[in-house]
Amino acid sequence: MTQKTDNRDSRLIPILRDGIAVIQMIFFKECKDLVGRTHPDLDSTARTMLAGAITNEIFGSHNPDEKFQKFYDSHRGLIEQEMLSLRDNLPHMNTPLTGALRTLVLCDNQEGQDSSQILKQAERLGLLMMDQELPLPSVFMEMVRSLGAQHKLIIPPVEIDSCEEKNLLQ
């Protein structure tokens, strides 16, 4: 019985991480749009890099490439300022972010990593919805599919009736 649980867990974590990545992509897209509206003075590359730096900071993933590190170091104040305004500027992202960040920390914990500082930072920024419970994996993935479809990042599964299935197989 233990072997079966281990196999299910080993499949579940990568699936959840894929879902987290979808939320991260949606957040980046929303953040990039926001930065475009709030910083029209920045060129397109700088706006993209700013949105990427904010996204990486929220999700606790940093790009080690020298170009991105230099950008982060020289724009640290702006990045922090933008992060502090996310709660008010992207309120529709709080629910998906809360689910994704909690799921991320849970996945990391299952793999022996402590990333709880991600939740502490999100709480400090007002992005973590404290009254929202940790979603069940199926509920989290349903949210991911729905948002992914809305943002045209995922093509949702389509139910095929038995007649259509027979036609496809001929």
C-alpha atoms as a PDB file:
ATOM      1  CA  MET A   1       0.000   0.000   0.000  1.00  0.00           C
ATOM      2  CA  THR A   2       2.848   2.415   0.785  1.00  0.00           C
ATOM      3  CA  GLN A   3       4.310   1.906  -2.675  1.00  0.00           C
ATOM      4  CA  LYS A   4       1.021   2.948  -4.284  1.00  0.00           C
ATOM      5  CA  THR A   5       0.852   6.136  -2.177  1.00  0.00           C
ATOM      6  CA  ASP A   6       4.432   6.986  -3.092  1.00  0.00           C
ATOM      7  CA  ASN A   7       3.658   6.589  -6.804  1.00  0.00           C
ATOM      8  CA  ARG A   8       0.554   8.769  -6.549  1.00  0.00           C
ATOM      9  CA  ASP A   9       2.483  11.408  -4.617  1.00  0.00           C
ATOM     10  CA  SER A  10       5.321  11.314  -7.128  1.00  0.00           C
ATOM     11  CA  ARG A  11       2.828  12.033  -9.930  1.00  0.00           C
ATOM     12  CA  LEU A  12       0.838  14.595  -7.969  1.00  0.00           C
ATOM     13  CA  ILE A  13       3.689  16.982  -7.127  1.00  0.00           C
ATOM     14  CA  PRO A  14       4.735  17.550 -10.785  1.00  0.00           C
ATOM     15  CA  ILE A  15       1.099  18.049 -11.791  1.00  0.00           C
ATOM     16  CA  LEU A  16       0.605  20.605  -9.016  1.00  0.00           C
ATOM     17  CA  ARG A  17       3.868  22.326 -10.002  1.00  0.00           C
ATOM     18  CA  ASP A  18       2.582  22.591 -13.580  1.00  0.00           C
ATOM     19  CA  GLY A  19      -0.547  24.245 -12.200  1.00  0.00           C
ATOM     20  CA  ILE A  20       1.561  26.645 -10.148  1.00  0.00           C
ATOM     21  CA  ALA A  21       3.516  27.508 -13.307  1.00  0.00           C
ATOM     22  CA  VAL A  22       0.272  28.356 -15.118  1.00  0.00           C
ATOM     23  CA  ILE A  23      -0.759  30.729 -12.307  1.00  0.00           C
ATOM     24  CA  GLN A  24       2.754  32.195 -12.400  1.00  0.00           C
ATOM     25  CA  MET A  25       2.431  32.814 -16.160  1.00  0.00           C
ATOM     26  CA  ILE A  26      -0.978  34.437 -15.696  1.00  0.00           C
ATOM     27  CA  PHE A  27       0.390  36.599 -12.898  1.00  0.00           C
ATOM     28  CA  PHE A  28       3.342  37.637 -15.104  1.00  0.00           C
ATOM     29  CA  LYS A  29       0.962  38.531 -17.938  1.00  0.00           C
ATOM     30  CA  GLU A  30      -1.257  40.588 -15.602  1.00  0.00           C
ATOM     31  CA  CYS A  31       1.786  42.215 -14.011  1.00  0.00           C
ATOM     32  CA  LYS A  32       3.239  43.090 -17.414  1.00  0.00           C
ATOM     33  CA  ASP A  33      -0.031  44.757 -18.423  1.00  0.00           C
ATOM     34  CA  LEU A  34      -0.062  46.672 -15.131  1.00  0.00           C
ATOM     35  CA  VAL A  35       3.551  47.807 -15.536  1.00  0.00           C
ATOM     36  CA  GLY A  36       2.740  48.936 -19.079  1.00  0.00           C
ATOM     37  CA  ARG A  37      -0.049  51.147 -17.745  1.00  0.00           C
ATOM     38  CA  THR A  38       1.819  52.496 -14.719  1.00  0.00           C
ATOM     39  CA  HIS A  39       5.249  52.947 -16.322  1.00  0.00           C
ATOM     40  CA  PRO A  40       4.764  53.971 -19.954  1.00  0.00           C
ATOM     41  CA  ASP A  41       8.116  55.773 -19.650  1.00  0.00           C
ATOM     42  CA  LEU A  42       9.969  52.455 -19.534  1.00  0.00           C
ATOM     43  CA  ASP A  43      10.851  50.746 -22.790  1.00  0.00           C
ATOM     44  CA  SER A  44       9.272  47.392 -23.630  1.00  0.00           C
ATOM     45  CA  THR A  45      12.285  45.368 -22.462  1.00  0.00           C
ATOM     46  CA  ALA A  46      12.447  47.170 -19.121  1.00  0.00           C
ATOM     47  CA  ARG A  47       8.696  46.684 -18.581  1.00  0.00           C
ATOM     48  CA  THR A  48       9.028  42.966 -19.303  1.00  0.00           C
ATOM     49  CA  MET A  49      12.038  42.656 -17.017  1.00  0.00           C
ATOM     50  CA  LEU A  50      10.245  44.562 -14.244  1.00  0.00           C
ATOM     51  CA  ALA A  51       7.192  42.300 -14.508  1.00  0.00           C
ATOM     52  CA  GLY A  52       9.505  39.275 -14.502  1.00  0.00           C
ATOM     53  CA  ALA A  53      11.412  40.504 -11.459  1.00  0.00           C
ATOM     54  CA  ILE A  54       8.163  41.106  -9.557  1.00  0.00           C
ATOM     55  CA  THR A  55       6.836  37.682 -10.522  1.00  0.00           C
ATOM     56  CA  ASN A  56      10.079  35.966  -9.549  1.00  0.00           C
ATOM     57  CA  GLU A  57      10.126  37.784  -6.230  1.00  0.00           C
ATOM     58  CA  ILE A  58       6.529  36.784  -5.403  1.00  0.00           C
ATOM     59  CA  PHE A  59       7.129  33.129  -6.321  1.00  0.00           C
ATOM     60  CA  GLY A  60      10.592  32.951  -4.751  1.00  0.00           C
ATOM     61  CA  SER A  61      12.370  32.085  -7.980  1.00  0.00           C
ATOM     62  CA  HIS A  62      15.244  34.216  -9.146  1.00  0.00           C
ATOM     63  CA  ASN A  63      16.853  34.187 -12.551  1.00  0.00           C
ATOM     64  CA  PRO A  64      20.609  33.795 -11.944  1.00  0.00           C
ATOM     65  CA  ASP A  65      21.554  35.219 -15.358  1.00  0.00           C
ATOM     66  CA  GLU A  66      23.787  38.273 -14.905  1.00  0.00           C
ATOM     67  CA  LYS A  67      21.540  40.528 -17.021  1.00  0.00           C
ATOM     68  CA  PHE A  68      18.572  39.859 -14.743  1.00  0.00           C
ATOM     69  CA  GLN A  69      20.608  40.187 -11.558  1.00  0.00           C
ATOM     70  CA  LYS A  70      21.897  43.602 -12.682  1.00  0.00           C
ATOM     71  CA  PHE A  71      18.356  44.699 -13.487  1.00  0.00           C
ATOM     72  CA  TYR A  72      17.127  43.484 -10.102  1.00  0.00           C
ATOM     73  CA  ASP A  73      19.961  45.224  -8.234  1.00  0.00           C
ATOM     74  CA  SER A  74      19.480  48.547 -10.022  1.00  0.00           C
ATOM     75  CA  HIS A  75      15.652  48.514  -9.754  1.00  0.00           C
ATOM     76  CA  ARG A  76      15.198  46.974  -6.299  1.00  0.00           C
ATOM     77  CA  GLY A  77      13.281  49.998  -4.944  1.00  0.00           C
ATOM     78  CA  LEU A  78      10.896  50.081  -7.903  1.00  0.00           C
ATOM     79  CA  ILE A  79      10.329  46.319  -7.640  1.00  0.00           C
ATOM     80  CA  GLU A  80       9.470  46.624  -3.937  1.00  0.00           C
ATOM     81  CA  GLN A  81       7.200  49.618  -4.606  1.00  0.00           C
ATOM     82  CA  GLU A  82       5.321  47.711  -7.307  1.00  0.00           C
ATOM     83  CA  MET A  83       4.996  44.659  -5.072  1.00  0.00           C
ATOM     84  CA  LEU A  84       3.467  46.802  -2.333  1.00  0.00           C
ATOM     85  CA  SER A  85       0.817  48.068  -4.763  1.00  0.00           C
ATOM     86  CA  LEU A  86      -0.206  44.649  -6.122  1.00  0.00           C
ATOM     87  CA  ARG A  87      -2.985  44.088  -3.581  1.00  0.00           C
ATOM     88  CA  ASP A  88      -4.775  47.205  -4.819  1.00  0.00           C
ATOM     89  CA  ASN A  89      -3.756  47.051  -8.484  1.00  0.00           C
ATOM     90  CA  LEU A  90      -4.385  43.337  -9.147  1.00  0.00           C
ATOM     91  CA  PRO A  91      -7.009  42.329  -6.559  1.00  0.00           C
ATOM     92  CA  HIS A  92      -8.432  39.647  -8.874  1.00  0.00           C
ATOM     93  CA  MET A  93      -5.116  37.776  -8.579  1.00  0.00           C
ATOM     94  CA  ASN A  94      -5.237  37.404  -4.772  1.00  0.00           C
ATOM     95  CA  THR A  95      -7.279  34.185  -4.790  1.00  0.00           C
ATOM     96  CA  PRO A  96      -5.207  32.387  -7.449  1.00  0.00           C
ATOM     97  CA  LEU A  97      -1.964  33.644  -5.884  1.00  0.00           C
ATOM     98  CA  THR A  98      -3.017  32.436  -2.450  1.00  0.00           C
ATOM     99  CA  GLY A  99      -3.797  28.971  -3.801  1.00  0.00           C
ATOM    100  CA  ALA A 100      -0.658  28.786  -5.929  1.00  0.00           C
ATOM    101  CA  LEU A 101       1.712  30.024  -3.217  1.00  0.00           C
ATOM    102  CA  ARG A 102       0.259  27.721  -0.576  1.00  0.00           C
ATOM    103  CA  THR A 103       0.446  24.794  -2.989  1.00  0.00           C
ATOM    104  CA  LEU A 104       4.028  25.744  -3.881  1.00  0.00           C
ATOM    105  CA  VAL A 105       5.085  25.752  -0.229  1.00  0.00           C
ATOM    106  CA  LEU A 106       3.308  22.436   0.317  1.00  0.00           C
ATOM    107  CA  CYS A 107       5.068  20.857  -2.698  1.00  0.00           C
ATOM    108  CA  ASP A 108       8.421  22.221  -1.541  1.00  0.00           C
ATOM    109  CA  ASN A 109       7.782  20.855   1.945  1.00  0.00           C
ATOM    110  CA  GLN A 110       7.018  17.407   0.501  1.00  0.00           C
ATOM    111  CA  GLU A 111      10.410  17.564  -1.226  1.00  0.00           C
ATOM    112  CA  GLY A 112      12.218  18.607   1.950  1.00  0.00           C
ATOM    113  CA  GLN A 113      12.498  22.341   1.249  1.00  0.00           C
ATOM    114  CA  ASP A 114      11.320  25.162   3.485  1.00  0.00           C
ATOM    115  CA  SER A 115       9.902  27.989   1.383  1.00  0.00           C
ATOM    116  CA  SER A 116       7.554  29.360   4.039  1.00  0.00           C
ATOM    117  CA  GLN A 117       9.149  32.801   3.595  1.00  0.00           C
ATOM    118  CA  ILE A 118       7.145  33.050   0.360  1.00  0.00           C
ATOM    119  CA  LEU A 119       3.906  32.963   2.359  1.00  0.00           C
ATOM    120  CA  LYS A 120       5.243  35.407   4.942  1.00  0.00           C
ATOM    121  CA  GLN A 121       6.165  37.855   2.194  1.00  0.00           C
ATOM    122  CA  ALA A 122       2.766  37.456   0.488  1.00  0.00           C
ATOM    123  CA  GLU A 123       1.057  38.082   3.817  1.00  0.00           C
ATOM    124  CA  ARG A 124       3.206  41.178   4.418  1.00  0.00           C
ATOM    125  CA  LEU A 125       2.220  42.479   0.966  1.00  0.00           C
ATOM    126  CA  GLY A 126      -1.459  41.832   1.622  1.00  0.00           C
ATOM    127  CA  LEU A 127      -1.662  39.278  -1.192  1.00  0.00           C
ATOM    128  CA  LEU A 128      -2.338  36.222   0.963  1.00  0.00           C
ATOM    129  CA  MET A 129      -5.990  35.692   1.720  1.00  0.00           C
ATOM    130  CA  MET A 130      -5.747  34.391   5.264  1.00  0.00           C
ATOM    131  CA  ASP A 131      -9.351  33.128   5.397  1.00  0.00           C
ATOM    132  CA  GLN A 132      -8.906  31.043   2.246  1.00  0.00           C
ATOM    133  CA  GLU A 133      -8.153  27.403   3.012  1.00  0.00           C
ATOM    134  CA  LEU A 134      -5.524  25.353   1.246  1.00  0.00           C
ATOM    135  CA  PRO A 135      -7.337  24.037  -1.813  1.00  0.00           C
ATOM    136  CA  LEU A 136      -7.607  20.328  -2.477  1.00  0.00           C
ATOM    137  CA  PRO A 137      -5.462  19.362  -5.478  1.00  0.00           C
ATOM    138  CA  SER A 138      -8.530  18.801  -7.663  1.00  0.00           C
ATOM    139  CA  VAL A 139      -9.995  22.206  -6.726  1.00  0.00           C
ATOM    140  CA  PHE A 140      -6.653  23.919  -7.342  1.00  0.00           C
ATOM    141  CA  MET A 141      -6.248  22.269 -10.744  1.00  0.00           C
ATOM    142  CA  GLU A 142      -9.819  23.173 -11.719  1.00  0.00           C
ATOM    143  CA  MET A 143      -9.027  26.820 -10.924  1.00  0.00           C
ATOM    144  CA  VAL A 144      -5.822  26.511 -12.970  1.00  0.00           C
ATOM    145  CA  ARG A 145      -7.695  25.051 -15.951  1.00  0.00           C
ATOM    146  CA  SER A 146     -10.353  27.732 -15.785  1.00  0.00           C
ATOM    147  CA  LEU A 147      -7.906  30.641 -15.526  1.00  0.00           C
ATOM    148  CA  GLY A 148      -5.592  29.086 -18.096  1.00  0.00           C
ATOM    149  CA  ALA A 149      -8.471  28.839 -20.555  1.00  0.00           C
ATOM    150  CA  GLN A 150      -9.559  32.436 -19.850  1.00  0.00           C
ATOM    151  CA  HIS A 151      -6.039  33.646 -20.577  1.00  0.00           C
ATOM    152  CA  LYS A 152      -5.673  31.343 -23.585  1.00  0.00           C
ATOM    153  CA  LEU A 153      -2.750  29.479 -22.018  1.00  0.00           C
ATOM    154  CA  ILE A 154      -4.559  26.149 -21.808  1.00  0.00           C
ATOM    155  CA  ILE A 155      -7.038  24.511 -24.098  1.00  0.00           C
ATOM    156  CA  PRO A 156      -9.635  23.013 -21.754  1.00  0.00           C
ATOM    157  CA  PRO A 157     -10.562  19.375 -22.292  1.00  0.00           C
ATOM    158  CA  VAL A 158     -13.628  18.892 -24.415  1.00  0.00           C
ATOM    159  CA  GLU A 159     -16.076  16.092 -23.770  1.00  0.00           C
ATOM    160  CA  ILE A 160     -16.625  13.872 -26.786  1.00  0.00           C
ATOM    161  CA  ASP A 161     -19.808  11.860 -27.049  1.00  0.00           C
ATOM    162  CA  SER A 162     -19.712   8.218 -28.148  1.00  0.00           C
ATOM    163  CA  CYS A 163     -20.849   9.004 -31.738  1.00  0.00           C
ATOM    164  CA  GLU A 164     -18.060  11.537 -32.186  1.00  0.00           C
ATOM    165  CA  GLU A 165     -15.576   9.105 -30.681  1.00  0.00           C
ATOM    166  CA  LYS A 166     -16.562   6.376 -33.166  1.00  0.00           C
ATOM    167  CA  ASN A 167     -16.190   8.830 -36.067  1.00  0.00           C
ATOM    168  CA  LEU A 168     -12.736   9.822 -34.864  1.00  0.00           C
ATOM    169  CA  LEU A 169     -11.607   6.191 -34.647  1.00  0.00           C
ATOM    170  CA  GLN A 170     -12.722   5.255 -38.180  1.00  0.00           C
END
